Amino acid sequence: MASTLSGTYPSSTMASTVSGTYPSSTMASTLSGTYPSSTMASTLSAYKEKMKELSMIDMICSCLYSQPLPKTVYQFEDMEVKQLNKRASGQSFEVILKPPTDLSPESPPLTTSPTKKDISLEELQKRLEAAEERRKIQEAQVLKQLSEKREHERNVLHRAIEDNNSFSRIAEEKLNYKMELSQEIRDANLAALKERLREKELHAAEVRRNKEQREEMSG
């Protein structure tokens, strides 16, 4: 698509005004996506020279002819300049930039996007079946993972119960052993006490018998 620049400028300052309003760096950056840098630089240089020539021609014609000149179209390379209306205050013109006729070797050629292939009903059915198969496989994997997780939890719980039961059993056995040992010690102490009492009673009886015998012998 052609790019169009239009405006109204005094004839005597047309070249400098165009140069100040549309600098080459700005125009090159604006149109860098469409025109190569070397082509754009040469186009702008030629455009400035042509504007200087047009301004000089307009000044000479305005001095020689009081009647307005017919609209003139200047064409060179990829640019077209049209004179619109000329007044004492300035000159109205239109600049049309034509699209480039050739592509730069640096820029890659435009490639058309591949057309979308029509999907047949059979192909669509195959895709649906494949998607359903993938869904079933994923669902089976999730169920398997859940089953393994529950089995692991059951094993951990069973092991914990066994450990608790084993600890309780060991604790109970230790308690029973301590109770039995305490009972044996108590029984042994009681038997020793009874033995000492019996020996003490025998000793007292022996003392009494000896005393009675001495009294009988003295009497």
C-alpha atoms as a PDB file:
ATOM      1  CA  MET A   1       0.000   0.000   0.000  1.00  0.00           C
ATOM      2  CA  ALA A   2       1.333   3.445  -0.878  1.00  0.00           C
ATOM      3  CA  SER A   3       2.127   5.848   1.978  1.00  0.00           C
ATOM      4  CA  THR A   4       0.865   9.464   1.583  1.00  0.00           C
ATOM      5  CA  LEU A   5       2.294  12.619   3.224  1.00  0.00           C
ATOM      6  CA  SER A   6       0.539  15.928   2.682  1.00  0.00           C
ATOM      7  CA  GLY A   7       0.863  19.443   4.107  1.00  0.00           C
ATOM      8  CA  THR A   8       1.007  23.210   3.342  1.00  0.00           C
ATOM      9  CA  TYR A   9       4.366  25.048   3.452  1.00  0.00           C
ATOM     10  CA  PRO A  10       5.710  28.353   2.075  1.00  0.00           C
ATOM     11  CA  SER A  11       7.387  27.998  -1.274  1.00  0.00           C
ATOM     12  CA  SER A  12      10.650  29.666  -0.254  1.00  0.00           C
ATOM     13  CA  THR A  13      11.158  27.408   2.769  1.00  0.00           C
ATOM     14  CA  MET A  14       9.672  24.204   1.414  1.00  0.00           C
ATOM     15  CA  ALA A  15      12.946  22.273   1.316  1.00  0.00           C
ATOM     16  CA  SER A  16      14.052  23.274   4.811  1.00  0.00           C
ATOM     17  CA  THR A  17      10.547  22.765   6.230  1.00  0.00           C
ATOM     18  CA  VAL A  18      10.240  19.308   4.764  1.00  0.00           C
ATOM     19  CA  SER A  19      13.686  18.468   6.068  1.00  0.00           C
ATOM     20  CA  GLY A  20      12.769  19.696   9.564  1.00  0.00           C
ATOM     21  CA  THR A  21       9.304  18.144   9.660  1.00  0.00           C
ATOM     22  CA  TYR A  22      10.185  14.763   8.221  1.00  0.00           C
ATOM     23  CA  PRO A  23      13.797  13.940   9.196  1.00  0.00           C
ATOM     24  CA  SER A  24      15.420  11.073   7.437  1.00  0.00           C
ATOM     25  CA  SER A  25      15.967   9.135  10.689  1.00  0.00           C
ATOM     26  CA  THR A  26      12.274   9.386  11.649  1.00  0.00           C
ATOM     27  CA  MET A  27      10.990   8.522   8.197  1.00  0.00           C
ATOM     28  CA  ALA A  28      13.469   5.652   7.891  1.00  0.00           C
ATOM     29  CA  SER A  29      12.458   4.273  11.303  1.00  0.00           C
ATOM     30  CA  THR A  30       8.771   4.673  10.440  1.00  0.00           C
ATOM     31  CA  LEU A  31       9.095   2.868   7.119  1.00  0.00           C
ATOM     32  CA  SER A  32      11.908   0.473   8.025  1.00  0.00           C
ATOM     33  CA  GLY A  33       9.536  -2.473   7.920  1.00  0.00           C
ATOM     34  CA  THR A  34       8.584  -1.705   4.274  1.00  0.00           C
ATOM     35  CA  TYR A  35      11.724  -0.240   2.593  1.00  0.00           C
ATOM     36  CA  PRO A  36      15.393  -1.263   2.884  1.00  0.00           C
ATOM     37  CA  SER A  37      17.658   1.294   4.610  1.00  0.00           C
ATOM     38  CA  SER A  38      19.843   1.964   1.520  1.00  0.00           C
ATOM     39  CA  THR A  39      16.821   2.497  -0.747  1.00  0.00           C
ATOM     40  CA  MET A  40      15.152   4.783   1.794  1.00  0.00           C
ATOM     41  CA  ALA A  41      18.268   6.925   2.218  1.00  0.00           C
ATOM     42  CA  SER A  42      18.658   7.434  -1.526  1.00  0.00           C
ATOM     43  CA  THR A  43      14.926   8.164  -1.846  1.00  0.00           C
ATOM     44  CA  LEU A  44      15.036  10.840   0.871  1.00  0.00           C
ATOM     45  CA  SER A  45      18.127  12.444  -0.645  1.00  0.00           C
ATOM     46  CA  ALA A  46      16.494  12.596  -4.072  1.00  0.00           C
ATOM     47  CA  TYR A  47      13.298  13.906  -2.456  1.00  0.00           C
ATOM     48  CA  LYS A  48      15.149  16.801  -0.802  1.00  0.00           C
ATOM     49  CA  GLU A  49      16.857  17.741  -4.088  1.00  0.00           C
ATOM     50  CA  LYS A  50      13.523  17.611  -5.913  1.00  0.00           C
ATOM     51  CA  MET A  51      11.903  19.843  -3.272  1.00  0.00           C
ATOM     52  CA  LYS A  52      14.658  22.419  -3.750  1.00  0.00           C
ATOM     53  CA  GLU A  53      14.087  22.346  -7.516  1.00  0.00           C
ATOM     54  CA  LEU A  54      10.318  22.658  -7.045  1.00  0.00           C
ATOM     55  CA  SER A  55      10.694  25.607  -4.679  1.00  0.00           C
ATOM     56  CA  MET A  56      12.921  27.452  -7.157  1.00  0.00           C
ATOM     57  CA  ILE A  57      10.547  26.692 -10.046  1.00  0.00           C
ATOM     58  CA  ASP A  58       7.573  27.898  -7.986  1.00  0.00           C
ATOM     59  CA  MET A  59       9.309  31.144  -7.103  1.00  0.00           C
ATOM     60  CA  ILE A  60      10.180  31.840 -10.765  1.00  0.00           C
ATOM     61  CA  CYS A  61       6.696  30.923 -11.968  1.00  0.00           C
ATOM     62  CA  SER A  62       5.020  33.049  -9.298  1.00  0.00           C
ATOM     63  CA  CYS A  63       7.053  36.043 -10.435  1.00  0.00           C
ATOM     64  CA  LEU A  64       6.299  35.559 -14.151  1.00  0.00           C
ATOM     65  CA  TYR A  65       2.682  34.408 -13.976  1.00  0.00           C
ATOM     66  CA  SER A  66      -0.004  35.902 -11.822  1.00  0.00           C
ATOM     67  CA  GLN A  67      -2.442  33.135 -12.695  1.00  0.00           C
ATOM     68  CA  PRO A  68      -2.166  29.890 -10.710  1.00  0.00           C
ATOM     69  CA  LEU A  69      -0.356  27.115 -12.501  1.00  0.00           C
ATOM     70  CA  PRO A  70      -2.133  23.878 -13.209  1.00  0.00           C
ATOM     71  CA  LYS A  71      -1.542  21.011 -10.804  1.00  0.00           C
ATOM     72  CA  THR A  72       1.683  19.237 -11.622  1.00  0.00           C
ATOM     73  CA  VAL A  73       2.670  15.677 -10.816  1.00  0.00           C
ATOM     74  CA  TYR A  74       6.340  14.744 -10.507  1.00  0.00           C
ATOM     75  CA  GLN A  75       7.373  11.118 -10.490  1.00  0.00           C
ATOM     76  CA  PHE A  76      10.799   9.607  -9.860  1.00  0.00           C
ATOM     77  CA  GLU A  77      11.880   6.207  -8.532  1.00  0.00           C
ATOM     78  CA  ASP A  78       9.342   5.153  -5.884  1.00  0.00           C
ATOM     79  CA  MET A  79       7.965   8.612  -5.018  1.00  0.00           C
ATOM     80  CA  GLU A  80       5.212  10.787  -6.527  1.00  0.00           C
ATOM     81  CA  VAL A  81       4.721  14.503  -5.658  1.00  0.00           C
ATOM     82  CA  LYS A  82       1.454  16.308  -6.456  1.00  0.00           C
ATOM     83  CA  GLN A  83       0.942  20.080  -6.218  1.00  0.00           C
ATOM     84  CA  LEU A  84      -2.515  20.821  -4.831  1.00  0.00           C
ATOM     85  CA  ASN A  85      -3.220  24.495  -4.102  1.00  0.00           C
ATOM     86  CA  LYS A  86      -0.837  27.440  -4.108  1.00  0.00           C
ATOM     87  CA  ARG A  87      -1.519  30.615  -2.168  1.00  0.00           C
ATOM     88  CA  ALA A  88       0.487  33.610  -1.090  1.00  0.00           C
ATOM     89  CA  SER A  89       0.903  32.070   2.353  1.00  0.00           C
ATOM     90  CA  GLY A  90       2.345  28.803   1.142  1.00  0.00           C
ATOM     91  CA  GLN A  91       2.176  25.773  -1.107  1.00  0.00           C
ATOM     92  CA  SER A  92       0.002  22.686  -0.515  1.00  0.00           C
ATOM     93  CA  PHE A  93       1.391  19.432  -1.830  1.00  0.00           C
ATOM     94  CA  GLU A  94       0.944  15.678  -1.513  1.00  0.00           C
ATOM     95  CA  VAL A  95       3.748  13.105  -1.402  1.00  0.00           C
ATOM     96  CA  ILE A  96       2.913   9.480  -2.230  1.00  0.00           C
ATOM     97  CA  LEU A  97       5.428   6.737  -1.488  1.00  0.00           C
ATOM     98  CA  LYS A  98       4.928   3.777  -3.757  1.00  0.00           C
ATOM     99  CA  PRO A  99       5.409   0.225  -2.487  1.00  0.00           C
ATOM    100  CA  PRO A 100       8.796  -1.344  -3.320  1.00  0.00           C
ATOM    101  CA  THR A 101       8.956  -3.353  -6.508  1.00  0.00           C
ATOM    102  CA  ASP A 102      11.636  -5.769  -5.324  1.00  0.00           C
ATOM    103  CA  LEU A 103      12.557  -7.270  -2.009  1.00  0.00           C
ATOM    104  CA  SER A 104      15.919  -6.826  -0.354  1.00  0.00           C
ATOM    105  CA  PRO A 105      18.081  -9.960  -0.385  1.00  0.00           C
ATOM    106  CA  GLU A 106      18.498  -9.578   3.373  1.00  0.00           C
ATOM    107  CA  SER A 107      14.774  -9.737   4.057  1.00  0.00           C
ATOM    108  CA  PRO A 108      13.310 -13.238   3.831  1.00  0.00           C
ATOM    109  CA  PRO A 109      10.570 -13.831   1.272  1.00  0.00           C
ATOM    110  CA  LEU A 110       7.039 -13.823   2.497  1.00  0.00           C
ATOM    111  CA  THR A 111       5.676 -17.296   3.033  1.00  0.00           C
ATOM    112  CA  THR A 112       2.035 -18.061   2.939  1.00  0.00           C
ATOM    113  CA  SER A 113       0.609 -19.859   5.922  1.00  0.00           C
ATOM    114  CA  PRO A 114      -0.207 -23.488   5.197  1.00  0.00           C
ATOM    115  CA  THR A 115      -3.821 -24.125   4.524  1.00  0.00           C
ATOM    116  CA  LYS A 116      -5.621 -26.082   7.170  1.00  0.00           C
ATOM    117  CA  LYS A 117      -6.413 -29.599   6.033  1.00  0.00           C
ATOM    118  CA  ASP A 118      -9.975 -30.755   6.194  1.00  0.00           C
ATOM    119  CA  ILE A 119     -10.383 -33.462   8.825  1.00  0.00           C
ATOM    120  CA  SER A 120     -12.474 -36.385   7.745  1.00  0.00           C
ATOM    121  CA  LEU A 121     -15.027 -38.037   9.994  1.00  0.00           C
ATOM    122  CA  GLU A 122     -12.908 -41.181  10.226  1.00  0.00           C
ATOM    123  CA  GLU A 123      -9.827 -39.193  11.265  1.00  0.00           C
ATOM    124  CA  LEU A 124     -11.885 -37.292  13.823  1.00  0.00           C
ATOM    125  CA  GLN A 125     -13.235 -40.577  15.179  1.00  0.00           C
ATOM    126  CA  LYS A 126      -9.695 -41.955  15.460  1.00  0.00           C
ATOM    127  CA  ARG A 127      -8.589 -38.870  17.346  1.00  0.00           C
ATOM    128  CA  LEU A 128     -11.528 -39.152  19.723  1.00  0.00           C
ATOM    129  CA  GLU A 129     -10.770 -42.832  20.333  1.00  0.00           C
ATOM    130  CA  ALA A 130      -7.101 -42.036  20.963  1.00  0.00           C
ATOM    131  CA  ALA A 131      -8.073 -39.282  23.394  1.00  0.00           C
ATOM    132  CA  GLU A 132     -10.467 -41.650  25.172  1.00  0.00           C
ATOM    133  CA  GLU A 133      -7.725 -44.285  25.385  1.00  0.00           C
ATOM    134  CA  ARG A 134      -5.302 -41.742  26.857  1.00  0.00           C
ATOM    135  CA  ARG A 135      -7.954 -40.694  29.365  1.00  0.00           C
ATOM    136  CA  LYS A 136      -8.517 -44.314  30.426  1.00  0.00           C
ATOM    137  CA  ILE A 137      -4.773 -44.888  30.794  1.00  0.00           C
ATOM    138  CA  GLN A 138      -4.401 -41.755  32.902  1.00  0.00           C
ATOM    139  CA  GLU A 139      -7.404 -42.734  35.017  1.00  0.00           C
ATOM    140  CA  ALA A 140      -5.969 -46.236  35.537  1.00  0.00           C
ATOM    141  CA  GLN A 141      -2.627 -44.746  36.563  1.00  0.00           C
ATOM    142  CA  VAL A 142      -4.329 -42.434  39.059  1.00  0.00           C
ATOM    143  CA  LEU A 143      -6.361 -45.319  40.518  1.00  0.00           C
ATOM    144  CA  LYS A 144      -3.219 -47.445  40.757  1.00  0.00           C
ATOM    145  CA  GLN A 145      -1.376 -44.678  42.570  1.00  0.00           C
ATOM    146  CA  LEU A 146      -4.302 -44.234  44.983  1.00  0.00           C
ATOM    147  CA  SER A 147      -4.442 -47.992  45.611  1.00  0.00           C
ATOM    148  CA  GLU A 148      -0.703 -48.148  46.285  1.00  0.00           C
ATOM    149  CA  LYS A 149      -0.983 -45.167  48.609  1.00  0.00           C
ATOM    150  CA  ARG A 150      -3.833 -46.760  50.574  1.00  0.00           C
ATOM    151  CA  GLU A 151      -1.950 -50.068  50.769  1.00  0.00           C
ATOM    152  CA  HIS A 152       1.081 -48.238  52.097  1.00  0.00           C
ATOM    153  CA  GLU A 153      -1.077 -46.457  54.685  1.00  0.00           C
ATOM    154  CA  ARG A 154      -2.585 -49.780  55.778  1.00  0.00           C
ATOM    155  CA  ASN A 155       0.873 -51.325  56.104  1.00  0.00           C
ATOM    156  CA  VAL A 156       2.100 -48.391  58.154  1.00  0.00           C
ATOM    157  CA  LEU A 157      -0.975 -48.547  60.400  1.00  0.00           C
ATOM    158  CA  HIS A 158      -0.662 -52.331  60.831  1.00  0.00           C
ATOM    159  CA  ARG A 159       3.030 -51.990  61.666  1.00  0.00           C
ATOM    160  CA  ALA A 160       2.241 -49.259  64.188  1.00  0.00           C
ATOM    161  CA  ILE A 161      -0.436 -51.448  65.809  1.00  0.00           C
ATOM    162  CA  GLU A 162       1.964 -54.382  65.972  1.00  0.00           C
ATOM    163  CA  ASP A 163       4.668 -52.209  67.486  1.00  0.00           C
ATOM    164  CA  ASN A 164       2.187 -50.867  70.028  1.00  0.00           C
ATOM    165  CA  ASN A 165       0.984 -54.357  70.905  1.00  0.00           C
ATOM    166  CA  SER A 166       4.545 -55.599  71.187  1.00  0.00           C
ATOM    167  CA  PHE A 167       5.445 -52.683  73.438  1.00  0.00           C
ATOM    168  CA  SER A 168       2.362 -53.312  75.579  1.00  0.00           C
ATOM    169  CA  ARG A 169       3.144 -57.012  75.807  1.00  0.00           C
ATOM    170  CA  ILE A 170       6.761 -56.372  76.770  1.00  0.00           C
ATOM    171  CA  ALA A 171       5.686 -53.776  79.328  1.00  0.00           C
ATOM    172  CA  GLU A 172       3.138 -56.185  80.784  1.00  0.00           C
ATOM    173  CA  GLU A 173       5.702 -58.972  80.971  1.00  0.00           C
ATOM    174  CA  LYS A 174       8.142 -56.683  82.736  1.00  0.00           C
ATOM    175  CA  LEU A 175       5.450 -55.605  85.172  1.00  0.00           C
ATOM    176  CA  ASN A 176       4.469 -59.208  85.897  1.00  0.00           C
ATOM    177  CA  TYR A 177       8.098 -60.146  86.413  1.00  0.00           C
ATOM    178  CA  LYS A 178       8.583 -57.278  88.838  1.00  0.00           C
ATOM    179  CA  MET A 179       5.404 -58.223  90.704  1.00  0.00           C
ATOM    180  CA  GLU A 180       6.445 -61.866  90.906  1.00  0.00           C
ATOM    181  CA  LEU A 181       9.916 -60.918  92.077  1.00  0.00           C
ATOM    182  CA  SER A 182       8.454 -58.597  94.678  1.00  0.00           C
ATOM    183  CA  GLN A 183       6.129 -61.336  95.882  1.00  0.00           C
ATOM    184  CA  GLU A 184       8.994 -63.803  96.137  1.00  0.00           C
ATOM    185  CA  ILE A 185      11.068 -61.325  98.105  1.00  0.00           C
ATOM    186  CA  ARG A 186       8.149 -60.611 100.405  1.00  0.00           C
ATOM    187  CA  ASP A 187       7.518 -64.315 100.966  1.00  0.00           C
ATOM    188  CA  ALA A 188      11.208 -64.895 101.663  1.00  0.00           C
ATOM    189  CA  ASN A 189      11.294 -62.058 104.172  1.00  0.00           C
ATOM    190  CA  LEU A 190       8.164 -63.372 105.859  1.00  0.00           C
ATOM    191  CA  ALA A 191       9.602 -66.891 106.069  1.00  0.00           C
ATOM    192  CA  ALA A 192      12.839 -65.560 107.542  1.00  0.00           C
ATOM    193  CA  LEU A 193      10.886 -63.563 110.100  1.00  0.00           C
ATOM    194  CA  LYS A 194       8.870 -66.608 111.106  1.00  0.00           C
ATOM    195  CA  GLU A 195      12.052 -68.627 111.414  1.00  0.00           C
ATOM    196  CA  ARG A 196      13.617 -66.037 113.667  1.00  0.00           C
ATOM    197  CA  LEU A 197      10.463 -65.932 115.833  1.00  0.00           C
ATOM    198  CA  ARG A 198      10.443 -69.710 116.117  1.00  0.00           C
ATOM    199  CA  GLU A 199      14.099 -69.767 117.095  1.00  0.00           C
ATOM    200  CA  LYS A 200      13.434 -67.011 119.616  1.00  0.00           C
ATOM    201  CA  GLU A 201      10.552 -68.973 121.144  1.00  0.00           C
ATOM    202  CA  LEU A 202      12.685 -72.116 121.341  1.00  0.00           C
ATOM    203  CA  HIS A 203      15.439 -70.157 123.045  1.00  0.00           C
ATOM    204  CA  ALA A 204      12.971 -68.686 125.551  1.00  0.00           C
ATOM    205  CA  ALA A 205      11.544 -72.129 126.312  1.00  0.00           C
ATOM    206  CA  GLU A 206      15.053 -73.482 126.835  1.00  0.00           C
ATOM    207  CA  VAL A 207      15.816 -70.646 129.214  1.00  0.00           C
ATOM    208  CA  ARG A 208      12.650 -71.281 131.203  1.00  0.00           C
ATOM    209  CA  ARG A 209      13.327 -75.021 131.458  1.00  0.00           C
ATOM    210  CA  ASN A 210      16.866 -74.445 132.672  1.00  0.00           C
ATOM    211  CA  LYS A 211      15.601 -71.985 135.279  1.00  0.00           C
ATOM    212  CA  GLU A 212      13.021 -74.462 136.580  1.00  0.00           C
ATOM    213  CA  GLN A 213      15.643 -77.172 136.855  1.00  0.00           C
ATOM    214  CA  ARG A 214      17.950 -74.921 138.891  1.00  0.00           C
ATOM    215  CA  GLU A 215      15.100 -73.996 141.222  1.00  0.00           C
ATOM    216  CA  GLU A 216      14.245 -77.666 141.837  1.00  0.00           C
ATOM    217  CA  MET A 217      17.825 -78.510 142.599  1.00  0.00           C
ATOM    218  CA  SER A 218      18.206 -75.662 145.075  1.00  0.00           C
ATOM    219  CA  GLY A 219      14.949 -76.439 146.880  1.00  0.00           C
END
